Amino acid sequence: MSYEVVLENFSGPLDLLLHLIQRQEMNIHDIPIATVTEQYLGYLRAMEELSLDIASDFVVMAATLLQIKSRMLLPRPPKVGEDEPELDPREVLVQQLLEYQRCKWAAEELKTRGLLQSQLFGRDPLDLRPYAATEQPPLEGVTMWDLVDAFRKLLVRIPKNERVAEIKGHVVSVEEMMALLSERMRKWKRASFLQLIQFARTRPEVVSGFLALLELIKEQVVSCVQVTAFGDIEIIWNGEKDA
């Protein structure tokens, strides 16, 4: 039985591709398609390990990347004329990424301006500190792709024979793992992602632990912060919420 976790940070295949390009500091106009394709498929495999439903557009993008990769490996057809520009198989994808990047920037800009506008008043300033939010943002500087990447690194630590072996006996459920992680964070208050789930030794334990962490984030029992871009993910204890 799959355990479904719904988070808003999954924004589609272009969002994942842009994340990979920015993470590796690649030139968006000259994408190393073989490297990006391998990393993209690695993320899809990690999502399959988590039993997350992969939307069809993610699969279509995977097929598109493989098609571009194969076209770049084939000999280029001879030019008909001297002035005819050489077509790059990546051109359409690059334009889609640039357009998505502009839209994403515009959305963030509108959000920022909206927040600034909401703080403007046509009268003397009021002391709004008693009404200010005191809770830690659930994902501060952390995207869903950062979490999936952390899960992927954790899974690599498990020997392959243990990953595919049949697990007999009791398997810790997501609910039990949530209680276990909550107990640890209640004591530690702050821990790195790997430190929190380092006890996991089998694939089911890693998957249950990761899904449990996503649920705790969604319920705002814990928060995630990433001080430096693509650095270690820190988990912060917020405390249980009232039912």
Foldseek 3Di string as FASTA:
>chain_A
DADEDDDPLCPADLVVLVLVCVVVVHDLVDDPLVVSLVVLVLLVVLCVLLVYDDDVRSVVVSVLSVVLVVVVVDDQDDDPDPPDDGDRSCVVVSVVSVVVVVVVVVVVVVVVVVVVVVCDDPDPDDPCVVVDDPADQQEALDGVVLLSVVLSVLVVVADPCQAPDDDDDDQQALVNLLVVLLVVCVVVQKDWPCVSQVVDHHSSSSSSNSVNVSVCSVQSQWHWHDPDNSDIIMIGGPHHDDD
